[in-house]
N, C-alpha and C. Protein backbone atom coordinates (compact mmCIF):
# COMPACT_ATOMS: atom_id res chain seq x y z
N MET A 1 0.85 -1.16 0.00
CA MET A 1 0.00 0.00 0.00
C MET A 1 0.90 1.23 0.00
N ARG A 2 0.62 2.11 -0.90
CA ARG A 2 1.42 3.33 -1.00
C ARG A 2 0.65 4.53 -0.48
N ILE A 3 1.36 5.37 0.24
CA ILE A 3 0.77 6.59 0.78
C ILE A 3 1.49 7.76 0.13
N TYR A 4 0.69 8.65 -0.45
CA TYR A 4 1.24 9.80 -1.16
C TYR A 4 0.92 11.08 -0.40
N LEU A 5 1.76 12.08 -0.61
CA LEU A 5 1.59 13.37 0.04
C LEU A 5 0.36 14.09 -0.51
N ASP A 6 0.13 13.97 -1.82
CA ASP A 6 -1.01 14.64 -2.42
C ASP A 6 -1.65 13.75 -3.48
N GLU A 7 -2.68 14.27 -4.11
CA GLU A 7 -3.45 13.50 -5.08
C GLU A 7 -2.72 13.30 -6.41
N ASN A 8 -1.66 14.06 -6.67
CA ASN A 8 -0.92 13.93 -7.92
C ASN A 8 -0.16 12.61 -8.01
N ARG A 9 0.06 11.97 -6.88
CA ARG A 9 0.68 10.65 -6.79
C ARG A 9 2.02 10.56 -7.52
N LYS A 10 2.89 11.50 -7.26
CA LYS A 10 4.19 11.47 -7.92
C LYS A 10 5.17 10.54 -7.20
N GLU A 11 5.41 10.79 -5.95
CA GLU A 11 6.36 9.99 -5.18
C GLU A 11 5.72 9.57 -3.87
N PRO A 12 5.86 8.29 -3.50
CA PRO A 12 5.27 7.85 -2.23
C PRO A 12 6.06 8.40 -1.04
N ILE A 13 5.34 8.72 0.04
CA ILE A 13 6.02 9.12 1.28
C ILE A 13 6.14 7.91 2.21
N ALA A 14 5.34 6.85 1.92
CA ALA A 14 5.40 5.62 2.71
C ALA A 14 4.90 4.46 1.86
N VAL A 15 5.48 3.28 2.11
CA VAL A 15 5.02 2.04 1.47
C VAL A 15 4.88 1.00 2.57
N ILE A 16 3.71 0.39 2.66
CA ILE A 16 3.42 -0.58 3.71
C ILE A 16 3.06 -1.91 3.06
N CYS A 17 3.65 -3.00 3.53
CA CYS A 17 3.35 -4.33 3.00
C CYS A 17 1.88 -4.64 3.28
N ASN A 18 1.15 -5.00 2.22
CA ASN A 18 -0.27 -5.31 2.38
C ASN A 18 -0.52 -6.57 3.18
N LYS A 19 0.47 -7.47 3.28
CA LYS A 19 0.26 -8.73 4.00
C LYS A 19 0.61 -8.61 5.48
N CYS A 20 1.82 -8.15 5.81
CA CYS A 20 2.26 -8.14 7.21
C CYS A 20 2.26 -6.75 7.85
N LYS A 21 1.99 -5.71 7.06
CA LYS A 21 1.93 -4.32 7.52
C LYS A 21 3.29 -3.72 7.87
N LYS A 22 4.37 -4.35 7.42
CA LYS A 22 5.70 -3.78 7.66
C LYS A 22 5.85 -2.52 6.83
N GLU A 23 6.36 -1.45 7.45
CA GLU A 23 6.61 -0.22 6.72
C GLU A 23 8.00 -0.30 6.10
N LEU A 24 8.05 -0.16 4.78
CA LEU A 24 9.31 -0.24 4.06
C LEU A 24 10.02 1.11 4.09
N LYS A 25 11.33 1.07 4.02
CA LYS A 25 12.12 2.30 4.07
C LYS A 25 11.96 3.08 2.77
N VAL A 26 11.54 4.34 2.88
CA VAL A 26 11.37 5.23 1.73
C VAL A 26 12.12 6.53 2.02
N GLU A 27 12.98 6.93 1.07
CA GLU A 27 13.71 8.20 1.19
C GLU A 27 13.52 8.99 -0.09
N ASN A 28 13.03 10.21 0.03
CA ASN A 28 12.82 11.08 -1.13
C ASN A 28 12.01 10.40 -2.24
N GLY A 29 11.00 9.63 -1.85
CA GLY A 29 10.13 8.98 -2.81
C GLY A 29 10.69 7.70 -3.42
N ILE A 30 11.86 7.25 -2.95
CA ILE A 30 12.50 6.05 -3.47
C ILE A 30 12.44 4.95 -2.42
N ILE A 31 11.93 3.77 -2.80
CA ILE A 31 11.86 2.63 -1.89
C ILE A 31 13.27 2.07 -1.76
N LYS A 32 13.78 2.00 -0.53
CA LYS A 32 15.17 1.63 -0.29
C LYS A 32 15.35 0.20 0.20
N GLU A 33 14.37 -0.68 -0.06
CA GLU A 33 14.52 -2.10 0.24
C GLU A 33 13.63 -2.91 -0.70
N GLY A 34 13.81 -4.22 -0.69
CA GLY A 34 13.06 -5.07 -1.61
C GLY A 34 11.56 -4.92 -1.47
N CYS A 35 10.89 -4.72 -2.60
CA CYS A 35 9.44 -4.55 -2.60
C CYS A 35 8.87 -5.15 -3.88
N PHE A 36 7.86 -5.99 -3.75
CA PHE A 36 7.14 -6.53 -4.90
C PHE A 36 5.89 -5.69 -5.09
N CYS A 37 5.78 -5.04 -6.24
CA CYS A 37 4.65 -4.17 -6.54
C CYS A 37 3.78 -4.86 -7.59
N SER A 38 2.51 -5.02 -7.29
CA SER A 38 1.60 -5.67 -8.23
C SER A 38 0.47 -4.73 -8.60
N ASP A 39 0.12 -4.76 -9.86
CA ASP A 39 -1.01 -4.00 -10.38
C ASP A 39 -1.68 -4.89 -11.42
N ALA A 40 -2.73 -5.57 -11.01
CA ALA A 40 -3.40 -6.54 -11.89
C ALA A 40 -4.79 -6.05 -12.24
N GLN A 41 -5.11 -6.14 -13.53
CA GLN A 41 -6.44 -5.75 -14.00
C GLN A 41 -7.07 -6.93 -14.72
N PHE A 42 -8.31 -7.23 -14.36
CA PHE A 42 -9.01 -8.36 -14.95
C PHE A 42 -9.97 -7.87 -16.02
N GLY A 43 -10.04 -8.64 -17.10
CA GLY A 43 -10.91 -8.28 -18.22
C GLY A 43 -12.02 -9.30 -18.41
N TYR A 44 -12.47 -9.39 -19.63
CA TYR A 44 -13.55 -10.30 -19.97
C TYR A 44 -13.18 -11.75 -19.65
N PHE A 45 -14.18 -12.56 -19.45
CA PHE A 45 -14.05 -14.00 -19.20
C PHE A 45 -13.45 -14.28 -17.83
N SER A 46 -13.48 -13.34 -16.95
CA SER A 46 -12.98 -13.50 -15.59
C SER A 46 -14.14 -13.30 -14.62
N LYS A 47 -14.01 -13.86 -13.44
CA LYS A 47 -15.00 -13.62 -12.39
C LYS A 47 -14.83 -12.22 -11.79
N LYS A 48 -13.77 -11.54 -12.19
CA LYS A 48 -13.46 -10.21 -11.67
C LYS A 48 -13.46 -9.16 -12.80
N ASP A 49 -14.35 -9.32 -13.78
CA ASP A 49 -14.41 -8.39 -14.91
C ASP A 49 -14.38 -6.94 -14.45
N GLY A 50 -13.46 -6.17 -15.01
CA GLY A 50 -13.40 -4.75 -14.73
C GLY A 50 -12.78 -4.37 -13.40
N MET A 51 -12.24 -5.32 -12.67
CA MET A 51 -11.63 -5.03 -11.37
C MET A 51 -10.12 -4.86 -11.52
N ARG A 52 -9.57 -3.98 -10.69
CA ARG A 52 -8.13 -3.74 -10.67
C ARG A 52 -7.65 -3.87 -9.24
N TYR A 53 -6.55 -4.56 -9.05
CA TYR A 53 -5.97 -4.77 -7.73
C TYR A 53 -4.53 -4.28 -7.73
N SER A 54 -4.17 -3.46 -6.76
CA SER A 54 -2.80 -2.99 -6.58
C SER A 54 -2.38 -3.28 -5.16
N PHE A 55 -1.17 -3.83 -5.00
CA PHE A 55 -0.66 -4.07 -3.66
C PHE A 55 0.85 -4.17 -3.69
N ASP A 56 1.45 -4.04 -2.51
CA ASP A 56 2.90 -4.13 -2.33
C ASP A 56 3.19 -5.18 -1.28
N LEU A 57 4.25 -5.96 -1.50
CA LEU A 57 4.70 -6.96 -0.53
C LEU A 57 6.15 -6.71 -0.19
N CYS A 58 6.50 -6.85 1.09
CA CYS A 58 7.90 -6.80 1.48
C CYS A 58 8.58 -8.06 0.94
N GLU A 59 9.88 -8.09 0.98
CA GLU A 59 10.62 -9.22 0.41
C GLU A 59 10.32 -10.53 1.13
N ASP A 60 10.14 -10.50 2.45
CA ASP A 60 9.82 -11.72 3.20
C ASP A 60 8.46 -12.29 2.78
N CYS A 61 7.46 -11.43 2.64
CA CYS A 61 6.13 -11.90 2.24
C CYS A 61 6.13 -12.38 0.79
N PHE A 62 6.95 -11.74 -0.05
CA PHE A 62 7.09 -12.20 -1.43
C PHE A 62 7.66 -13.61 -1.46
N ASP A 63 8.70 -13.86 -0.65
CA ASP A 63 9.31 -15.19 -0.58
C ASP A 63 8.29 -16.24 -0.11
N LYS A 64 7.48 -15.89 0.87
CA LYS A 64 6.45 -16.81 1.36
C LYS A 64 5.42 -17.11 0.28
N MET A 65 5.05 -16.09 -0.50
CA MET A 65 4.10 -16.29 -1.59
C MET A 65 4.68 -17.25 -2.62
N LEU A 66 5.95 -17.07 -2.98
CA LEU A 66 6.59 -17.95 -3.96
C LEU A 66 6.63 -19.40 -3.49
N LYS A 67 6.88 -19.60 -2.21
CA LYS A 67 6.93 -20.96 -1.66
C LYS A 67 5.60 -21.67 -1.78
N GLY A 68 4.50 -20.93 -1.88
CA GLY A 68 3.17 -21.52 -1.98
C GLY A 68 2.79 -21.93 -3.40
N PHE A 69 3.62 -21.64 -4.39
CA PHE A 69 3.32 -21.98 -5.77
C PHE A 69 3.48 -23.48 -6.01
N ALA A 70 2.53 -24.08 -6.72
CA ALA A 70 2.64 -25.50 -7.11
C ALA A 70 3.69 -25.65 -8.22
N ILE A 71 3.77 -24.67 -9.09
CA ILE A 71 4.79 -24.63 -10.16
C ILE A 71 5.67 -23.44 -9.85
N PRO A 72 6.97 -23.67 -9.66
CA PRO A 72 7.86 -22.56 -9.29
C PRO A 72 7.86 -21.44 -10.33
N ALA A 73 8.01 -20.23 -9.85
CA ALA A 73 8.13 -19.08 -10.74
C ALA A 73 9.46 -19.17 -11.48
N GLU A 74 9.48 -18.65 -12.69
CA GLU A 74 10.73 -18.61 -13.44
C GLU A 74 11.65 -17.59 -12.77
N GLU A 75 12.91 -17.92 -12.72
CA GLU A 75 13.88 -17.07 -12.05
C GLU A 75 15.08 -16.87 -12.97
N ALA A 76 15.55 -15.63 -13.10
CA ALA A 76 16.70 -15.33 -13.93
C ALA A 76 17.47 -14.17 -13.30
N GLU A 77 18.77 -14.22 -13.42
CA GLU A 77 19.60 -13.15 -12.89
C GLU A 77 19.66 -12.01 -13.90
N VAL A 78 19.60 -10.77 -13.39
CA VAL A 78 19.69 -9.60 -14.26
C VAL A 78 21.01 -8.88 -13.98
N THR A 79 21.51 -8.21 -14.99
CA THR A 79 22.78 -7.51 -14.82
C THR A 79 22.60 -5.99 -14.80
N GLU A 80 21.42 -5.52 -15.21
CA GLU A 80 21.13 -4.08 -15.18
C GLU A 80 19.91 -3.87 -14.30
N TYR A 81 20.02 -2.95 -13.36
CA TYR A 81 18.91 -2.65 -12.46
C TYR A 81 18.21 -1.39 -12.92
N MET A 82 16.90 -1.38 -12.75
CA MET A 82 16.12 -0.22 -13.18
C MET A 82 15.90 0.70 -12.00
């Protein structure tokens, strides 16, 4: 969950894990620790037609989510960070 200073939503002043409620470190609008950000929108042929879900997970909760997968997520090392 992201908290913004104003409605323009430029830079978050706080990011809180939606699962465990841990507040992640944010400095000058930049998240300074591991964070999984999800923004999923469902379309036709779904039970959630027209719904959009946004949430943030801390790295520990992300790891727990991955462990619950029946088929492991694909994993690859990157050499350039965004």
